N, C-alpha and C. Protein backbone atom coordinates (compact mmCIF):
# COMPACT_ATOMS: atom_id res chain seq x y z
N UNK A 1 71.16 65.44 -25.31
CA UNK A 1 71.26 64.15 -25.80
C UNK A 1 72.71 63.65 -25.20
N UNK A 2 72.31 62.11 -25.22
CA UNK A 2 73.71 61.20 -24.69
C UNK A 2 74.25 60.59 -26.01
N UNK A 3 75.43 61.10 -26.13
CA UNK A 3 75.91 60.77 -27.54
C UNK A 3 76.09 59.52 -27.74
N UNK A 4 76.29 58.86 -26.67
CA UNK A 4 77.08 57.44 -26.65
C UNK A 4 75.65 56.45 -26.93
N UNK A 5 74.69 56.72 -26.76
CA UNK A 5 73.35 56.16 -26.96
C UNK A 5 72.41 56.59 -27.96
N UNK A 6 72.72 57.32 -28.57
CA UNK A 6 71.88 58.30 -29.67
C UNK A 6 72.30 57.35 -30.83
N UNK A 7 71.05 57.23 -31.46
CA UNK A 7 70.51 56.13 -32.58
C UNK A 7 70.38 57.38 -33.94
N UNK A 8 69.50 58.30 -33.47
CA UNK A 8 69.04 59.10 -34.49
C UNK A 8 69.13 60.54 -34.35
N UNK A 9 69.56 61.38 -35.21
CA UNK A 9 70.07 62.56 -34.93
C UNK A 9 69.38 63.40 -35.82
N UNK A 10 68.69 64.49 -35.49
CA UNK A 10 68.14 65.56 -36.73
C UNK A 10 68.71 66.69 -36.39
N UNK A 11 69.42 67.34 -37.20
CA UNK A 11 70.06 68.63 -37.02
C UNK A 11 69.58 69.40 -38.48
N UNK A 12 68.18 69.26 -38.64
CA UNK A 12 67.77 69.98 -39.94
C UNK A 12 67.24 71.41 -39.36
N UNK A 13 67.58 72.37 -40.46
CA UNK A 13 67.04 73.52 -40.57
C UNK A 13 67.48 74.29 -39.44
N UNK A 14 68.88 74.21 -39.20
CA UNK A 14 69.46 74.99 -37.79
C UNK A 14 70.31 76.03 -38.37
N UNK A 15 70.51 76.06 -39.55
CA UNK A 15 71.43 77.29 -40.13
C UNK A 15 72.53 77.18 -40.23
N UNK A 16 73.06 75.57 -39.90
CA UNK A 16 74.53 75.17 -39.91
C UNK A 16 75.48 75.43 -41.46
N UNK A 17 76.33 76.04 -41.43
CA UNK A 17 77.27 76.51 -42.17
C UNK A 17 78.40 75.23 -42.42
N UNK A 18 78.80 74.41 -40.99
CA UNK A 18 79.69 73.72 -41.05
C UNK A 18 79.34 72.50 -40.32
N UNK A 19 79.88 71.07 -40.85
CA UNK A 19 79.43 69.96 -40.26
C UNK A 19 79.82 69.81 -38.71
N UNK A 20 79.01 69.79 -38.13
CA UNK A 20 79.25 69.90 -36.39
C UNK A 20 80.24 68.47 -36.24
N UNK A 21 81.48 68.63 -35.81
CA UNK A 21 82.62 67.59 -35.81
C UNK A 21 82.40 66.64 -34.55
N UNK A 22 81.50 67.15 -33.80
CA UNK A 22 81.32 65.90 -32.57
C UNK A 22 80.46 64.97 -33.05
N UNK A 23 79.87 65.05 -34.17
CA UNK A 23 78.72 63.76 -34.72
C UNK A 23 79.53 62.81 -35.34
N UNK A 24 80.85 63.09 -35.67
CA UNK A 24 81.24 61.75 -36.24
C UNK A 24 81.87 60.88 -35.13
N UNK A 25 81.83 61.20 -34.08
CA UNK A 25 82.22 60.58 -32.73
C UNK A 25 81.11 59.92 -32.07
N UNK A 26 80.10 60.12 -32.74
CA UNK A 26 78.43 59.41 -32.10
C UNK A 26 78.29 58.13 -33.30
N UNK A 27 79.25 57.03 -32.50
CA UNK A 27 79.15 55.85 -33.34
C UNK A 27 77.98 54.76 -33.49
N UNK A 28 77.13 55.09 -32.82
CA UNK A 28 75.71 54.40 -32.62
C UNK A 28 74.74 54.99 -33.64
N UNK A 29 75.03 56.06 -34.53
CA UNK A 29 74.10 56.48 -35.14
C UNK A 29 73.53 55.51 -36.33
N UNK A 30 72.48 55.43 -36.22
CA UNK A 30 71.65 54.75 -37.42
C UNK A 30 71.20 55.63 -38.41
N UNK A 31 70.63 56.96 -38.13
CA UNK A 31 69.85 57.95 -38.97
C UNK A 31 70.50 59.43 -38.46
N UNK A 32 70.96 60.31 -39.58
CA UNK A 32 71.55 61.19 -39.42
C UNK A 32 70.70 62.40 -40.77
N UNK A 33 70.16 63.56 -40.24
CA UNK A 33 69.57 64.53 -41.14
C UNK A 33 70.15 65.86 -40.67
N UNK A 34 70.94 66.23 -41.75
CA UNK A 34 71.06 67.56 -42.04
C UNK A 34 70.68 68.17 -43.03
N UNK A 35 69.19 68.26 -43.14
CA UNK A 35 68.49 68.65 -44.28
C UNK A 35 68.44 70.24 -43.75
N UNK A 36 68.23 71.04 -45.08
CA UNK A 36 68.06 72.29 -45.08
C UNK A 36 69.04 72.94 -44.45
N UNK A 37 70.13 73.00 -44.52
CA UNK A 37 71.22 73.84 -43.56
C UNK A 37 71.93 74.71 -44.80
N UNK A 38 73.21 74.99 -44.44
CA UNK A 38 73.87 75.67 -45.62
C UNK A 38 75.39 75.21 -45.55
N UNK A 39 75.64 73.78 -45.58
CA UNK A 39 76.52 72.73 -45.61
C UNK A 39 77.38 72.86 -47.16
N UNK A 40 78.46 73.14 -46.87
CA UNK A 40 79.03 73.17 -48.37
C UNK A 40 80.05 71.70 -48.57
N UNK A 41 80.31 71.08 -47.50
CA UNK A 41 81.20 70.03 -47.48
C UNK A 41 80.63 69.22 -46.45
N UNK A 42 81.17 67.74 -46.44
CA UNK A 42 80.83 66.62 -45.39
C UNK A 42 82.53 66.30 -45.19
N UNK A 43 82.88 65.97 -43.80
CA UNK A 43 84.31 65.65 -43.41
C UNK A 43 84.39 64.05 -44.33
N UNK A 44 85.76 63.92 -44.31
CA UNK A 44 85.91 62.49 -44.31
C UNK A 44 85.73 61.73 -43.49
N UNK A 45 85.82 62.33 -41.98
CA UNK A 45 85.46 61.51 -40.81
C UNK A 45 84.20 60.77 -40.96
N UNK A 46 83.21 61.05 -41.82
CA UNK A 46 81.83 60.36 -41.70
C UNK A 46 82.20 58.85 -42.02
N UNK A 47 83.28 58.62 -42.47
CA UNK A 47 83.28 57.30 -42.62
C UNK A 47 83.59 56.46 -41.33
N UNK A 48 83.55 57.17 -40.03
CA UNK A 48 83.46 56.52 -38.78
C UNK A 48 82.23 56.16 -38.50
N UNK A 49 81.16 56.50 -39.19
CA UNK A 49 79.71 56.21 -38.56
C UNK A 49 79.32 55.00 -39.65
N UNK A 50 80.01 53.78 -39.14
CA UNK A 50 79.55 52.65 -40.11
C UNK A 50 78.27 51.94 -39.73
N UNK A 51 77.67 52.27 -38.82
CA UNK A 51 76.31 51.84 -38.56
C UNK A 51 75.32 52.69 -39.11
N UNK A 52 75.46 53.78 -39.88
CA UNK A 52 74.28 54.74 -40.53
C UNK A 52 73.88 53.78 -41.79
N UNK A 53 72.64 53.67 -41.70
CA UNK A 53 71.36 53.25 -42.53
C UNK A 53 70.99 54.50 -43.57
N UNK A 54 70.73 55.55 -42.85
CA UNK A 54 69.92 56.83 -43.50
C UNK A 54 70.90 58.09 -43.39
N UNK A 55 71.06 58.73 -44.36
CA UNK A 55 71.76 59.95 -44.33
C UNK A 55 70.96 60.92 -45.24
N UNK A 56 70.59 62.00 -44.66
CA UNK A 56 69.76 63.05 -45.08
C UNK A 56 70.68 64.39 -45.46
N UNK A 57 70.79 64.67 -46.24
CA UNK A 57 71.58 66.27 -46.51
C UNK A 57 71.37 66.85 -47.67
N UNK A 58 69.89 66.81 -47.89
CA UNK A 58 68.99 67.53 -49.29
C UNK A 58 68.80 69.04 -48.52
N UNK A 59 68.73 69.38 -49.78
CA UNK A 59 68.50 71.28 -49.67
C UNK A 59 69.94 71.96 -48.49
N UNK A 60 71.01 71.62 -49.29
CA UNK A 60 72.26 72.18 -48.35
C UNK A 60 73.03 72.87 -49.31
N UNK A 61 74.17 73.28 -49.62
CA UNK A 61 74.99 73.95 -50.88
C UNK A 61 76.21 72.91 -50.84
N UNK A 62 75.96 71.59 -51.05
CA UNK A 62 77.34 70.30 -51.19
C UNK A 62 77.68 70.49 -52.50
N UNK A 63 78.99 70.67 -52.70
CA UNK A 63 79.61 70.86 -54.12
C UNK A 63 80.48 69.61 -54.20
N UNK A 64 80.84 68.63 -53.33
CA UNK A 64 81.45 67.57 -53.72
C UNK A 64 81.04 66.45 -52.36
N UNK A 65 81.28 65.01 -52.48
CA UNK A 65 81.17 64.31 -51.37
C UNK A 65 82.24 63.61 -50.85
N UNK A 66 82.59 63.40 -49.82
CA UNK A 66 83.81 62.70 -49.31
C UNK A 66 83.94 61.30 -49.61
N UNK A 67 85.07 60.71 -50.21
CA UNK A 67 85.19 59.30 -50.45
C UNK A 67 85.05 58.40 -49.45
N UNK A 68 84.88 59.08 -48.09
CA UNK A 68 84.63 58.14 -47.02
C UNK A 68 83.21 57.57 -47.08
N UNK A 69 82.42 58.25 -47.76
CA UNK A 69 80.75 57.78 -47.50
C UNK A 69 80.71 56.18 -48.70
N UNK A 70 81.97 56.03 -48.93
CA UNK A 70 82.06 54.52 -49.66
C UNK A 70 82.09 53.66 -48.60
N UNK A 71 82.73 54.07 -47.16
CA UNK A 71 82.78 52.85 -46.13
C UNK A 71 81.54 52.86 -45.37
N UNK A 72 80.32 53.32 -45.53
CA UNK A 72 79.44 53.34 -45.17
C UNK A 72 78.46 51.93 -45.67
N UNK A 73 79.08 50.85 -45.62
CA UNK A 73 78.49 49.85 -45.97
C UNK A 73 77.07 49.58 -45.82
N UNK A 74 76.41 49.96 -44.87
CA UNK A 74 75.00 49.59 -43.94
C UNK A 74 74.08 50.72 -44.68
N UNK A 75 74.54 51.88 -45.28
CA UNK A 75 73.91 52.83 -45.79
C UNK A 75 72.67 52.17 -47.00
N UNK A 76 71.62 52.41 -46.27
CA UNK A 76 70.49 52.27 -47.66
C UNK A 76 69.54 53.11 -48.15
N UNK A 77 69.92 54.66 -47.73
CA UNK A 77 69.33 55.77 -47.91
C UNK A 77 70.39 56.98 -47.83
N UNK A 78 70.39 57.47 -48.89
CA UNK A 78 71.22 58.62 -48.78
C UNK A 78 70.55 59.63 -50.03
N UNK A 79 70.43 60.93 -49.18
CA UNK A 79 69.30 62.20 -50.01
C UNK A 79 70.11 62.98 -50.12
N UNK A 80 70.29 63.10 -51.57
CA UNK A 80 71.17 64.46 -51.52
C UNK A 80 70.83 65.62 -52.64
N UNK A 81 69.33 65.29 -53.10
CA UNK A 81 68.86 66.45 -53.84
C UNK A 81 68.77 67.73 -53.38
N UNK A 82 68.68 68.79 -54.51
CA UNK A 82 68.79 70.20 -53.93
C UNK A 82 70.39 70.71 -53.39
N UNK A 83 71.11 70.33 -54.00
CA UNK A 83 72.51 70.54 -53.69
C UNK A 83 73.37 71.09 -55.01
N UNK A 84 74.64 71.29 -54.77
CA UNK A 84 75.26 71.94 -56.02
C UNK A 84 76.36 70.96 -56.43
N UNK A 85 76.02 69.63 -56.06
CA UNK A 85 76.74 68.61 -56.67
C UNK A 85 77.02 68.38 -58.12
N UNK A 86 78.46 68.57 -58.59
CA UNK A 86 78.63 68.18 -60.15
C UNK A 86 79.00 66.98 -60.55
N UNK A 87 79.47 66.20 -59.37
CA UNK A 87 80.04 64.99 -59.82
C UNK A 87 79.69 63.82 -58.45
N UNK A 88 79.91 62.60 -58.32
CA UNK A 88 79.55 61.73 -57.41
C UNK A 88 80.66 60.82 -57.36
């Protein structure tokens, strides 16, 4: 894929344990799905993806959310069900 022009990225059900670092440099992303992996955390750098409209993280092992998610002002869909979140 061309990370410079990609606007939708689906990394669902790939057995990922860590958030792929290069994804936070894909500034044109509008939709990102990491559904059904084994992620325990999301990096603060997620805040660099200011164009995101949809963010899918359901069916992971997330325990907390980074404060950087608050900077994603265009986000209109955030799917977090089936995780280990105790606070938002």
